[in-house]
């Protein structure tokens, strides 16, 4: 009986893929300067089943006449909250094909929410304040991260083996803002450096 139990455990162990401790993607521009707010995602042959949950809040606040955060990664089907923390009213909208929406004027300490069912990039703004812009990257992979100020996007528990790494940035010169490459992950920490070419950011100063 003990031998049979051990044999079953061995089969289950071998059936499950091994996992890398962490994939660290260093994203830099043409001058090797770190790039913040880039989205790194992994597409693998056999992703885990079940709903996707990320460790950050599903919300974009209106704060100091800007959207915070500027880029949000959300799983397909997620409901994103849009609280207004400013003392003025905002009217948030998007014309993006994966999830167009419009939130009519609402004021301080009020909130609205929108569910995003389709994968894709949602570019959003405020009908009242032109300098406000933000992006929601809706994905169907659990392996996703956004680069910090140091240009590093850290993806935990990525499965070892071959995968497609996609890097997206709102100002990328690549088609649709995304570039891809094949990588091989080992059962240990993996580091990759990706260089992106960016358009100059638009002027987001006050314009009202």
N, C-alpha and C. Protein backbone atom coordinates (compact mmCIF):
# COMPACT_ATOMS: atom_id res chain seq x y z
N UNK A 1 0.83 -1.20 0.00
CA UNK A 1 0.00 0.00 0.00
C UNK A 1 0.87 1.25 0.00
N UNK A 2 1.93 1.23 0.80
CA UNK A 2 2.83 2.38 0.85
C UNK A 2 3.51 2.59 -0.48
N UNK A 3 3.95 1.48 -1.11
CA UNK A 3 4.61 1.59 -2.41
C UNK A 3 3.67 2.14 -3.46
N UNK A 4 2.40 1.71 -3.38
CA UNK A 4 1.41 2.19 -4.35
C UNK A 4 1.18 3.70 -4.17
N UNK A 5 1.11 4.15 -2.93
CA UNK A 5 0.92 5.58 -2.65
C UNK A 5 2.08 6.40 -3.17
N UNK A 6 3.30 5.88 -2.95
CA UNK A 6 4.48 6.59 -3.44
C UNK A 6 4.49 6.66 -4.96
N UNK A 7 4.05 5.58 -5.60
CA UNK A 7 4.03 5.56 -7.06
C UNK A 7 3.04 6.59 -7.60
N UNK A 8 1.86 6.69 -6.97
CA UNK A 8 0.86 7.67 -7.40
C UNK A 8 1.40 9.08 -7.21
N UNK A 9 2.06 9.32 -6.08
CA UNK A 9 2.62 10.64 -5.81
C UNK A 9 3.68 11.00 -6.83
N UNK A 10 4.49 10.02 -7.24
CA UNK A 10 5.53 10.28 -8.22
C UNK A 10 4.93 10.63 -9.58
N UNK A 11 3.86 9.93 -9.96
CA UNK A 11 3.20 10.22 -11.23
C UNK A 11 2.62 11.63 -11.22
N UNK A 12 1.97 12.03 -10.11
CA UNK A 12 1.39 13.37 -10.01
C UNK A 12 2.47 14.43 -10.06
N UNK A 13 3.59 14.15 -9.40
CA UNK A 13 4.69 15.11 -9.38
C UNK A 13 5.24 15.32 -10.79
N UNK A 14 5.41 14.23 -11.52
CA UNK A 14 5.97 14.33 -12.85
C UNK A 14 4.98 14.96 -13.84
N UNK A 15 3.65 14.82 -13.54
CA UNK A 15 2.65 15.37 -14.44
C UNK A 15 2.56 16.87 -14.35
N UNK A 16 2.94 17.44 -13.20
CA UNK A 16 2.85 18.88 -13.02
C UNK A 16 4.13 19.54 -13.49
N UNK A 17 4.07 20.69 -14.16
CA UNK A 17 5.28 21.36 -14.62
C UNK A 17 6.04 21.95 -13.46
N UNK A 18 7.36 22.02 -13.59
CA UNK A 18 8.16 22.70 -12.59
C UNK A 18 8.02 24.18 -12.79
N UNK A 19 8.29 24.96 -11.74
CA UNK A 19 8.06 26.39 -11.81
C UNK A 19 9.33 27.15 -11.54
N UNK A 20 9.54 28.23 -12.30
CA UNK A 20 10.65 29.13 -12.02
C UNK A 20 10.30 29.96 -10.82
N UNK A 21 11.29 30.29 -10.02
CA UNK A 21 11.02 31.12 -8.85
C UNK A 21 10.51 32.49 -9.26
N UNK A 22 11.13 33.07 -10.28
CA UNK A 22 10.71 34.39 -10.73
C UNK A 22 11.35 34.69 -12.09
N UNK A 23 10.56 35.31 -12.95
CA UNK A 23 11.09 35.86 -14.20
C UNK A 23 11.19 37.37 -14.03
N UNK A 24 12.40 37.90 -14.16
CA UNK A 24 12.61 39.34 -14.05
C UNK A 24 12.94 39.89 -15.44
N UNK A 25 12.05 40.73 -15.94
CA UNK A 25 12.23 41.32 -17.26
C UNK A 25 12.71 42.75 -17.08
N UNK A 26 13.92 43.03 -17.56
CA UNK A 26 14.49 44.38 -17.50
C UNK A 26 14.15 45.08 -18.82
N UNK A 27 13.33 46.10 -18.75
CA UNK A 27 12.86 46.78 -19.95
C UNK A 27 13.55 48.13 -20.04
N UNK A 28 14.27 48.35 -21.15
CA UNK A 28 15.05 49.58 -21.34
C UNK A 28 14.71 50.18 -22.69
N UNK A 29 15.01 51.49 -22.84
CA UNK A 29 14.79 52.15 -24.12
C UNK A 29 16.05 52.12 -24.96
N UNK A 30 16.06 52.88 -26.05
CA UNK A 30 17.21 52.88 -26.97
C UNK A 30 18.50 53.35 -26.31
N UNK A 31 18.39 54.09 -25.23
CA UNK A 31 19.56 54.62 -24.53
C UNK A 31 19.87 53.83 -23.26
N UNK A 32 19.27 52.65 -23.14
CA UNK A 32 19.45 51.77 -21.98
C UNK A 32 18.90 52.37 -20.69
N UNK A 33 18.00 53.34 -20.80
CA UNK A 33 17.34 53.89 -19.61
C UNK A 33 16.15 53.01 -19.26
N UNK A 34 15.88 52.80 -17.98
CA UNK A 34 14.75 51.95 -17.59
C UNK A 34 13.42 52.53 -18.04
N UNK A 35 12.50 51.65 -18.40
CA UNK A 35 11.18 52.05 -18.89
C UNK A 35 10.13 51.59 -17.88
N UNK A 36 9.40 52.54 -17.33
CA UNK A 36 8.31 52.22 -16.41
C UNK A 36 7.01 52.04 -17.17
N UNK A 37 6.03 51.42 -16.53
CA UNK A 37 4.67 51.26 -17.07
C UNK A 37 4.61 50.41 -18.34
N UNK A 38 5.60 49.52 -18.51
CA UNK A 38 5.51 48.53 -19.58
C UNK A 38 4.88 47.26 -19.01
N UNK A 39 4.08 46.61 -19.81
CA UNK A 39 3.42 45.36 -19.39
C UNK A 39 4.15 44.18 -20.01
N UNK A 40 4.54 43.24 -19.16
CA UNK A 40 5.18 42.00 -19.61
C UNK A 40 4.22 40.84 -19.34
N UNK A 41 3.94 40.05 -20.36
CA UNK A 41 3.09 38.88 -20.19
C UNK A 41 3.74 37.65 -20.81
N UNK A 42 3.42 36.51 -20.26
CA UNK A 42 3.90 35.23 -20.78
C UNK A 42 2.73 34.42 -21.29
N UNK A 43 2.88 33.86 -22.49
CA UNK A 43 1.91 32.92 -23.03
C UNK A 43 2.55 31.55 -23.06
N UNK A 44 1.93 30.59 -22.38
CA UNK A 44 2.49 29.24 -22.27
C UNK A 44 1.52 28.24 -22.87
N UNK A 45 2.02 27.03 -23.14
CA UNK A 45 1.21 26.01 -23.81
C UNK A 45 0.05 25.53 -22.95
N UNK A 46 0.29 25.37 -21.64
CA UNK A 46 -0.73 24.80 -20.76
C UNK A 46 -0.91 25.69 -19.53
N UNK A 47 -1.62 26.81 -19.69
CA UNK A 47 -1.83 27.69 -18.53
C UNK A 47 -2.75 27.02 -17.52
N UNK A 48 -2.65 27.41 -16.26
CA UNK A 48 -3.52 26.81 -15.24
C UNK A 48 -4.98 27.18 -15.49
N UNK A 49 -5.88 26.25 -15.14
CA UNK A 49 -7.30 26.50 -15.30
C UNK A 49 -7.82 27.34 -14.14
N UNK A 50 -8.98 27.91 -14.34
CA UNK A 50 -9.61 28.67 -13.27
C UNK A 50 -9.47 30.17 -13.45
N UNK A 51 -10.16 30.93 -12.61
CA UNK A 51 -10.12 32.40 -12.74
C UNK A 51 -8.75 32.96 -12.41
N UNK A 52 -8.45 34.11 -13.00
CA UNK A 52 -7.16 34.78 -12.80
C UNK A 52 -7.34 35.88 -11.76
N UNK A 53 -6.42 35.92 -10.81
CA UNK A 53 -6.43 36.97 -9.79
C UNK A 53 -5.03 37.57 -9.70
N UNK A 54 -4.97 38.88 -9.73
CA UNK A 54 -3.70 39.58 -9.53
C UNK A 54 -3.68 40.21 -8.14
N UNK A 55 -2.48 40.54 -7.69
CA UNK A 55 -2.32 41.00 -6.31
C UNK A 55 -2.48 42.50 -6.12
N UNK A 56 -2.98 43.21 -7.11
CA UNK A 56 -3.15 44.66 -6.97
C UNK A 56 -4.63 45.00 -7.13
N UNK A 57 -5.04 46.17 -6.62
CA UNK A 57 -6.46 46.54 -6.69
C UNK A 57 -6.92 46.75 -8.12
N UNK A 58 -8.13 46.33 -8.39
CA UNK A 58 -8.74 46.57 -9.70
C UNK A 58 -9.43 47.94 -9.64
N UNK A 59 -8.62 48.99 -9.71
CA UNK A 59 -9.19 50.33 -9.67
C UNK A 59 -8.23 51.33 -10.30
N UNK A 60 -8.81 52.37 -10.88
CA UNK A 60 -8.06 53.53 -11.36
C UNK A 60 -8.72 54.76 -10.77
N UNK A 61 -8.01 55.43 -9.87
CA UNK A 61 -8.57 56.60 -9.20
C UNK A 61 -8.30 57.86 -10.01
N UNK A 62 -9.14 58.84 -9.82
CA UNK A 62 -8.91 60.19 -10.35
C UNK A 62 -8.37 61.02 -9.18
N UNK A 63 -7.08 61.35 -9.30
CA UNK A 63 -6.38 61.98 -8.19
C UNK A 63 -5.44 63.05 -8.73
N UNK A 64 -5.54 64.26 -8.17
CA UNK A 64 -4.69 65.38 -8.61
C UNK A 64 -4.79 65.61 -10.12
N UNK A 65 -5.99 65.48 -10.63
CA UNK A 65 -6.29 65.73 -12.04
C UNK A 65 -5.55 64.77 -12.97
N UNK A 66 -5.24 63.60 -12.48
CA UNK A 66 -4.66 62.54 -13.29
C UNK A 66 -5.31 61.22 -12.90
N UNK A 67 -5.09 60.18 -13.73
CA UNK A 67 -5.53 58.84 -13.38
C UNK A 67 -4.39 58.12 -12.66
N UNK A 68 -4.75 57.36 -11.65
CA UNK A 68 -3.76 56.64 -10.84
C UNK A 68 -4.28 55.23 -10.57
N UNK A 69 -3.60 54.18 -11.14
CA UNK A 69 -2.34 54.23 -11.89
C UNK A 69 -2.55 54.61 -13.35
N UNK A 70 -1.45 54.93 -14.02
CA UNK A 70 -1.46 55.27 -15.43
C UNK A 70 -1.72 54.02 -16.28
N UNK A 71 -1.19 52.88 -15.86
CA UNK A 71 -1.42 51.60 -16.54
C UNK A 71 -1.88 50.58 -15.50
N UNK A 72 -2.96 49.90 -15.80
CA UNK A 72 -3.49 48.84 -14.93
C UNK A 72 -3.59 47.55 -15.74
N UNK A 73 -3.09 46.45 -15.18
CA UNK A 73 -3.28 45.13 -15.77
C UNK A 73 -4.49 44.48 -15.09
N UNK A 74 -5.44 44.00 -15.90
CA UNK A 74 -6.65 43.39 -15.36
C UNK A 74 -6.93 42.09 -16.10
N UNK A 75 -7.41 41.06 -15.39
CA UNK A 75 -7.80 39.83 -16.09
C UNK A 75 -9.13 40.02 -16.79
N UNK A 76 -9.32 39.31 -17.90
CA UNK A 76 -10.59 39.38 -18.62
C UNK A 76 -11.72 39.00 -17.68
N UNK A 77 -12.77 39.80 -17.69
CA UNK A 77 -13.91 39.58 -16.80
C UNK A 77 -13.87 40.40 -15.53
N UNK A 78 -12.76 41.09 -15.29
CA UNK A 78 -12.62 41.86 -14.06
C UNK A 78 -13.50 43.10 -14.10
N UNK A 79 -13.96 43.52 -12.92
CA UNK A 79 -14.66 44.77 -12.75
C UNK A 79 -13.71 45.78 -12.14
N UNK A 80 -13.53 46.90 -12.81
CA UNK A 80 -12.59 47.94 -12.38
C UNK A 80 -13.37 49.12 -11.82
N UNK A 81 -12.96 49.60 -10.65
CA UNK A 81 -13.59 50.76 -10.02
C UNK A 81 -12.88 52.03 -10.44
N UNK A 82 -13.63 53.12 -10.53
CA UNK A 82 -13.10 54.43 -10.92
C UNK A 82 -13.52 55.48 -9.88
N UNK A 83 -12.90 55.48 -8.71
CA UNK A 83 -13.27 56.47 -7.69
C UNK A 83 -12.73 57.86 -8.02
N UNK A 84 -13.52 58.87 -7.73
CA UNK A 84 -13.10 60.26 -7.94
C UNK A 84 -12.63 60.82 -6.59
N UNK A 85 -11.33 61.07 -6.48
CA UNK A 85 -10.76 61.62 -5.26
C UNK A 85 -10.47 63.11 -5.39
N UNK A 86 -10.81 63.69 -6.52
CA UNK A 86 -10.61 65.12 -6.74
C UNK A 86 -11.82 65.91 -6.25
N UNK A 87 -11.63 67.22 -6.12
CA UNK A 87 -12.72 68.11 -5.71
C UNK A 87 -13.53 68.64 -6.89
N UNK A 88 -13.24 68.14 -8.08
CA UNK A 88 -13.99 68.52 -9.28
C UNK A 88 -14.61 67.27 -9.88
N UNK A 89 -15.59 67.46 -10.76
CA UNK A 89 -16.25 66.32 -11.38
C UNK A 89 -15.46 65.85 -12.61
N UNK A 90 -15.54 64.56 -12.87
CA UNK A 90 -14.90 63.97 -14.03
C UNK A 90 -15.92 63.16 -14.82
N UNK A 91 -15.64 62.99 -16.11
CA UNK A 91 -16.45 62.14 -16.97
C UNK A 91 -15.51 61.22 -17.73
N UNK A 92 -15.39 59.99 -17.26
CA UNK A 92 -14.41 59.03 -17.76
C UNK A 92 -15.01 58.26 -18.93
N UNK A 93 -14.19 58.02 -19.96
CA UNK A 93 -14.70 57.36 -21.15
C UNK A 93 -13.59 56.60 -21.87
N UNK A 94 -13.99 55.71 -22.77
CA UNK A 94 -13.07 55.04 -23.69
C UNK A 94 -13.82 54.68 -24.95
N UNK A 95 -13.16 54.87 -26.10
CA UNK A 95 -13.69 54.44 -27.38
C UNK A 95 -13.03 53.14 -27.86
N UNK A 96 -12.18 52.53 -27.05
CA UNK A 96 -11.41 51.35 -27.47
C UNK A 96 -12.34 50.18 -27.74
N UNK A 97 -12.10 49.49 -28.85
CA UNK A 97 -12.99 48.42 -29.32
C UNK A 97 -13.19 47.30 -28.30
N UNK A 98 -12.16 46.87 -27.54
CA UNK A 98 -12.39 45.77 -26.60
C UNK A 98 -13.37 46.10 -25.48
N UNK A 99 -13.58 47.39 -25.18
CA UNK A 99 -14.47 47.72 -24.07
C UNK A 99 -14.82 49.19 -23.99
N UNK A 100 -15.55 49.72 -24.97
CA UNK A 100 -15.94 51.14 -24.89
C UNK A 100 -16.90 51.37 -23.73
N UNK A 101 -16.78 52.54 -23.10
CA UNK A 101 -17.68 52.87 -21.99
C UNK A 101 -17.68 54.37 -21.79
N UNK A 102 -18.67 54.85 -21.04
CA UNK A 102 -18.72 56.25 -20.65
C UNK A 102 -19.36 56.34 -19.27
N UNK A 103 -18.69 57.05 -18.37
CA UNK A 103 -19.19 57.29 -17.02
C UNK A 103 -19.53 58.77 -16.92
N UNK A 104 -20.81 59.06 -16.87
CA UNK A 104 -21.27 60.44 -16.84
C UNK A 104 -20.71 61.17 -15.63
N UNK A 105 -20.74 62.51 -15.70
CA UNK A 105 -20.13 63.35 -14.67
C UNK A 105 -20.47 62.88 -13.25
N UNK A 106 -19.42 62.72 -12.44
CA UNK A 106 -19.62 62.41 -11.02
C UNK A 106 -18.52 63.07 -10.21
N UNK A 107 -18.81 63.32 -8.93
CA UNK A 107 -17.97 64.20 -8.13
C UNK A 107 -17.14 63.52 -7.08
N UNK A 108 -16.63 64.34 -6.17
CA UNK A 108 -15.70 63.94 -5.11
C UNK A 108 -16.29 62.81 -4.26
N UNK A 109 -15.47 61.79 -4.03
CA UNK A 109 -15.81 60.63 -3.20
C UNK A 109 -16.93 59.78 -3.79
N UNK A 110 -17.26 60.00 -5.04
CA UNK A 110 -18.17 59.08 -5.73
C UNK A 110 -17.33 58.11 -6.56
N UNK A 111 -17.93 56.96 -6.88
CA UNK A 111 -17.21 55.95 -7.65
C UNK A 111 -18.15 55.28 -8.64
N UNK A 112 -17.58 54.86 -9.73
CA UNK A 112 -18.30 54.08 -10.74
C UNK A 112 -17.45 52.85 -11.05
N UNK A 113 -18.04 51.86 -11.71
CA UNK A 113 -17.28 50.66 -12.06
C UNK A 113 -17.72 50.14 -13.42
N UNK A 114 -16.79 49.43 -14.07
CA UNK A 114 -17.03 48.86 -15.40
C UNK A 114 -16.42 47.47 -15.44
N UNK A 115 -17.12 46.51 -16.02
CA UNK A 115 -16.58 45.17 -16.22
C UNK A 115 -15.99 45.09 -17.63
N UNK A 116 -14.77 44.53 -17.71
CA UNK A 116 -14.08 44.38 -18.99
C UNK A 116 -13.97 42.90 -19.32
N UNK A 117 -14.75 42.46 -20.29
CA UNK A 117 -14.85 41.03 -20.62
C UNK A 117 -13.85 40.60 -21.70
N UNK A 118 -13.42 41.54 -22.53
CA UNK A 118 -12.62 41.19 -23.71
C UNK A 118 -11.16 41.55 -23.53
N UNK A 119 -10.30 40.68 -24.04
CA UNK A 119 -8.85 40.92 -24.01
C UNK A 119 -8.50 42.06 -24.96
N UNK A 120 -7.60 42.92 -24.52
CA UNK A 120 -7.16 44.03 -25.35
C UNK A 120 -6.76 45.22 -24.51
N UNK A 121 -6.43 46.30 -25.16
CA UNK A 121 -5.99 47.52 -24.48
C UNK A 121 -7.11 48.54 -24.50
N UNK A 122 -7.43 49.08 -23.32
CA UNK A 122 -8.44 50.10 -23.17
C UNK A 122 -7.74 51.43 -22.92
N UNK A 123 -7.79 52.33 -23.90
CA UNK A 123 -7.26 53.69 -23.72
C UNK A 123 -8.39 54.57 -23.23
N UNK A 124 -8.16 55.27 -22.11
CA UNK A 124 -9.25 56.03 -21.52
C UNK A 124 -8.82 57.46 -21.23
N UNK A 125 -9.82 58.33 -21.12
CA UNK A 125 -9.56 59.74 -20.83
C UNK A 125 -10.72 60.34 -20.07
N UNK A 126 -10.66 61.66 -19.90
CA UNK A 126 -11.73 62.41 -19.24
C UNK A 126 -12.25 63.44 -20.23
N UNK A 127 -13.55 63.48 -20.42
CA UNK A 127 -14.15 64.40 -21.37
C UNK A 127 -14.00 65.86 -20.95
N UNK A 128 -13.70 66.10 -19.67
CA UNK A 128 -13.61 67.46 -19.16
C UNK A 128 -12.17 67.95 -19.12
N UNK A 129 -11.23 67.03 -18.84
CA UNK A 129 -9.82 67.41 -18.63
C UNK A 129 -8.95 66.61 -19.61
N UNK A 130 -8.52 67.28 -20.67
CA UNK A 130 -7.82 66.59 -21.75
C UNK A 130 -6.48 66.00 -21.34
N UNK A 131 -5.86 66.52 -20.28
CA UNK A 131 -4.54 66.03 -19.89
C UNK A 131 -4.61 64.67 -19.20
N UNK A 132 -5.81 64.21 -18.88
CA UNK A 132 -5.96 62.94 -18.15
C UNK A 132 -6.03 61.78 -19.15
N UNK A 133 -5.16 60.80 -18.97
CA UNK A 133 -5.20 59.60 -19.80
C UNK A 133 -4.67 58.42 -19.00
N UNK A 134 -5.11 57.23 -19.36
CA UNK A 134 -4.66 56.01 -18.70
C UNK A 134 -4.99 54.84 -19.60
N UNK A 135 -4.46 53.67 -19.25
CA UNK A 135 -4.63 52.47 -20.06
C UNK A 135 -4.91 51.27 -19.16
N UNK A 136 -5.84 50.43 -19.62
CA UNK A 136 -6.10 49.15 -18.96
C UNK A 136 -5.70 48.04 -19.93
N UNK A 137 -4.79 47.19 -19.50
CA UNK A 137 -4.33 46.06 -20.32
C UNK A 137 -5.08 44.82 -19.83
N UNK A 138 -6.07 44.40 -20.60
CA UNK A 138 -6.90 43.26 -20.22
C UNK A 138 -6.31 42.00 -20.83
N UNK A 139 -6.02 41.01 -20.00
CA UNK A 139 -5.30 39.82 -20.46
C UNK A 139 -5.98 38.54 -19.99
N UNK A 140 -5.66 37.43 -20.66
CA UNK A 140 -6.18 36.13 -20.24
C UNK A 140 -5.07 35.20 -19.76
N UNK A 141 -3.91 35.78 -19.42
CA UNK A 141 -2.83 34.98 -18.85
C UNK A 141 -2.59 35.41 -17.40
N UNK A 142 -2.33 34.45 -16.50
CA UNK A 142 -2.02 34.83 -15.11
C UNK A 142 -0.60 35.32 -14.94
N UNK A 143 0.21 35.18 -15.99
CA UNK A 143 1.63 35.55 -15.90
C UNK A 143 1.81 36.94 -16.50
N UNK A 144 1.64 37.95 -15.67
CA UNK A 144 1.69 39.33 -16.14
C UNK A 144 2.23 40.22 -15.04
N UNK A 145 2.96 41.26 -15.44
CA UNK A 145 3.50 42.22 -14.48
C UNK A 145 3.78 43.53 -15.19
N UNK A 146 3.81 44.61 -14.42
CA UNK A 146 4.10 45.94 -14.96
C UNK A 146 5.46 46.39 -14.45
N UNK A 147 6.23 47.03 -15.31
CA UNK A 147 7.55 47.48 -14.89
C UNK A 147 7.45 48.68 -13.96
N UNK A 148 8.32 48.67 -12.95
CA UNK A 148 8.40 49.77 -11.99
C UNK A 148 9.32 50.85 -12.53
N UNK A 149 9.62 51.85 -11.70
CA UNK A 149 10.49 52.95 -12.13
C UNK A 149 11.87 52.47 -12.54
N UNK A 150 12.31 51.32 -11.98
CA UNK A 150 13.62 50.77 -12.34
C UNK A 150 13.58 49.94 -13.62
N UNK A 151 12.41 49.87 -14.27
CA UNK A 151 12.29 49.15 -15.53
C UNK A 151 12.10 47.66 -15.40
N UNK A 152 11.95 47.14 -14.17
CA UNK A 152 11.85 45.70 -13.96
C UNK A 152 10.39 45.29 -13.77
N UNK A 153 9.97 44.30 -14.54
CA UNK A 153 8.67 43.64 -14.37
C UNK A 153 8.95 42.23 -13.87
N UNK A 154 8.46 41.90 -12.69
CA UNK A 154 8.75 40.60 -12.06
C UNK A 154 7.51 39.72 -12.12
N UNK A 155 7.64 38.58 -12.79
CA UNK A 155 6.54 37.61 -12.91
C UNK A 155 6.88 36.40 -12.06
N UNK A 156 6.07 36.13 -11.05
CA UNK A 156 6.32 35.01 -10.14
C UNK A 156 5.66 33.74 -10.65
N UNK A 157 6.24 32.59 -10.28
CA UNK A 157 5.66 31.27 -10.53
C UNK A 157 5.38 30.97 -12.00
N UNK A 158 6.24 31.48 -12.86
CA UNK A 158 6.09 31.17 -14.28
C UNK A 158 6.58 29.75 -14.54
N UNK A 159 5.87 28.97 -15.35
CA UNK A 159 6.27 27.58 -15.57
C UNK A 159 7.54 27.49 -16.41
N UNK A 160 8.37 26.52 -16.08
CA UNK A 160 9.59 26.32 -16.86
C UNK A 160 9.24 25.78 -18.25
N UNK A 161 10.14 26.04 -19.20
CA UNK A 161 9.93 25.62 -20.57
C UNK A 161 9.80 26.81 -21.50
N UNK A 162 9.38 26.55 -22.72
CA UNK A 162 9.27 27.61 -23.73
C UNK A 162 8.02 28.45 -23.50
N UNK A 163 8.14 29.74 -23.77
CA UNK A 163 7.01 30.65 -23.61
C UNK A 163 7.20 31.83 -24.54
N UNK A 164 6.10 32.50 -24.85
CA UNK A 164 6.16 33.74 -25.63
C UNK A 164 6.07 34.91 -24.67
N UNK A 165 7.09 35.75 -24.71
CA UNK A 165 7.13 36.95 -23.88
C UNK A 165 6.65 38.14 -24.73
N UNK A 166 5.62 38.82 -24.24
CA UNK A 166 5.10 40.01 -24.92
C UNK A 166 5.36 41.22 -24.05
N UNK A 167 5.90 42.26 -24.66
CA UNK A 167 6.12 43.54 -23.97
C UNK A 167 5.26 44.59 -24.66
N UNK A 168 4.41 45.24 -23.88
CA UNK A 168 3.54 46.29 -24.41
C UNK A 168 3.79 47.58 -23.64
N UNK A 169 3.76 48.69 -24.34
CA UNK A 169 3.87 50.00 -23.70
C UNK A 169 3.01 50.98 -24.50
N UNK A 170 2.31 51.91 -23.83
CA UNK A 170 1.43 52.80 -24.58
C UNK A 170 2.14 53.67 -25.61
N UNK A 171 3.45 53.92 -25.43
CA UNK A 171 4.18 54.76 -26.36
C UNK A 171 5.15 53.98 -27.23
N UNK A 172 5.02 52.65 -27.25
CA UNK A 172 5.91 51.83 -28.06
C UNK A 172 5.71 52.09 -29.54
N UNK A 173 6.81 52.06 -30.29
CA UNK A 173 6.76 52.20 -31.74
C UNK A 173 6.40 50.89 -32.44
N UNK A 174 6.35 49.78 -31.71
CA UNK A 174 6.01 48.49 -32.30
C UNK A 174 4.54 48.48 -32.72
N UNK A 175 4.17 47.64 -33.69
CA UNK A 175 2.77 47.55 -34.11
C UNK A 175 1.85 47.25 -32.93
N UNK A 176 0.81 48.04 -32.77
CA UNK A 176 -0.13 47.91 -31.66
C UNK A 176 0.54 48.04 -30.30
N UNK A 177 1.74 48.62 -30.28
CA UNK A 177 2.42 48.86 -29.02
C UNK A 177 3.06 47.63 -28.40
N UNK A 178 3.09 46.50 -29.12
CA UNK A 178 3.56 45.25 -28.52
C UNK A 178 4.64 44.59 -29.36
N UNK A 179 5.62 44.00 -28.69
CA UNK A 179 6.64 43.20 -29.37
C UNK A 179 6.79 41.88 -28.62
N UNK A 180 7.14 40.82 -29.38
CA UNK A 180 7.18 39.48 -28.81
C UNK A 180 8.50 38.80 -29.10
N UNK A 181 8.84 37.86 -28.23
CA UNK A 181 10.00 37.00 -28.45
C UNK A 181 9.80 35.71 -27.69
N UNK A 182 10.42 34.65 -28.21
CA UNK A 182 10.38 33.36 -27.52
C UNK A 182 11.49 33.31 -26.48
N UNK A 183 11.19 32.78 -25.31
CA UNK A 183 12.19 32.59 -24.26
C UNK A 183 12.04 31.19 -23.69
N UNK A 184 13.07 30.73 -23.00
CA UNK A 184 13.04 29.45 -22.31
C UNK A 184 13.31 29.71 -20.84
N UNK A 185 12.38 29.28 -20.00
CA UNK A 185 12.49 29.48 -18.55
C UNK A 185 13.03 28.21 -17.91
N UNK A 186 13.95 28.39 -16.98
CA UNK A 186 14.49 27.27 -16.22
C UNK A 186 13.77 27.16 -14.88
N UNK A 187 14.04 26.10 -14.16
CA UNK A 187 13.43 25.91 -12.84
C UNK A 187 14.20 26.70 -11.79
N UNK A 188 14.59 27.89 -12.12
CA UNK A 188 15.30 28.79 -11.21
C UNK A 188 15.05 30.20 -11.70
N UNK A 189 15.53 31.18 -10.98
CA UNK A 189 15.32 32.57 -11.39
C UNK A 189 15.86 32.80 -12.81
N UNK A 190 15.10 33.52 -13.60
CA UNK A 190 15.49 33.83 -14.97
C UNK A 190 15.43 35.34 -15.17
N UNK A 191 16.43 35.90 -15.83
CA UNK A 191 16.44 37.34 -16.11
C UNK A 191 16.58 37.56 -17.61
N UNK A 192 15.78 38.49 -18.11
CA UNK A 192 15.77 38.81 -19.54
C UNK A 192 15.79 40.33 -19.67
N UNK A 193 16.56 40.83 -20.62
CA UNK A 193 16.55 42.26 -20.92
C UNK A 193 15.91 42.48 -22.28
N UNK A 194 14.96 43.40 -22.34
CA UNK A 194 14.25 43.70 -23.58
C UNK A 194 14.37 45.20 -23.86
N UNK A 195 14.76 45.53 -25.07
CA UNK A 195 14.88 46.93 -25.46
C UNK A 195 13.66 47.33 -26.29
N UNK A 196 13.06 48.47 -25.95
CA UNK A 196 11.90 48.95 -26.67
C UNK A 196 12.19 50.34 -27.24
N UNK A 197 11.56 50.66 -28.36
CA UNK A 197 11.67 51.98 -28.98
C UNK A 197 10.37 52.72 -28.72
N UNK A 198 10.47 53.91 -28.14
CA UNK A 198 9.30 54.64 -27.69
C UNK A 198 9.11 55.95 -28.45
N UNK A 199 7.85 56.31 -28.66
CA UNK A 199 7.53 57.66 -29.09
C UNK A 199 7.69 58.60 -27.89
N UNK A 200 7.98 59.87 -28.13
CA UNK A 200 7.98 60.82 -27.01
C UNK A 200 6.59 60.86 -26.37
N UNK A 201 6.52 60.93 -25.05
CA UNK A 201 5.20 61.00 -24.41
C UNK A 201 4.49 62.30 -24.75
N UNK A 202 3.18 62.26 -24.86
CA UNK A 202 2.44 63.49 -25.14
C UNK A 202 2.48 64.43 -23.94
N UNK A 203 2.24 65.68 -24.19
CA UNK A 203 2.19 66.68 -23.12
C UNK A 203 0.94 66.45 -22.28
N UNK A 204 1.15 66.10 -21.00
CA UNK A 204 0.02 65.84 -20.12
C UNK A 204 -0.14 66.94 -19.08
N UNK A 205 0.36 68.13 -19.40
CA UNK A 205 0.21 69.26 -18.48
C UNK A 205 -1.22 69.75 -18.48
N UNK A 206 -1.57 70.56 -17.51
CA UNK A 206 -2.92 71.08 -17.39
C UNK A 206 -3.31 71.84 -18.64
N UNK A 207 -4.52 71.61 -19.16
CA UNK A 207 -4.89 72.22 -20.43
C UNK A 207 -6.32 72.78 -20.39
N UNK A 208 -6.78 73.15 -19.21
CA UNK A 208 -8.15 73.64 -19.11
C UNK A 208 -8.16 74.97 -18.41
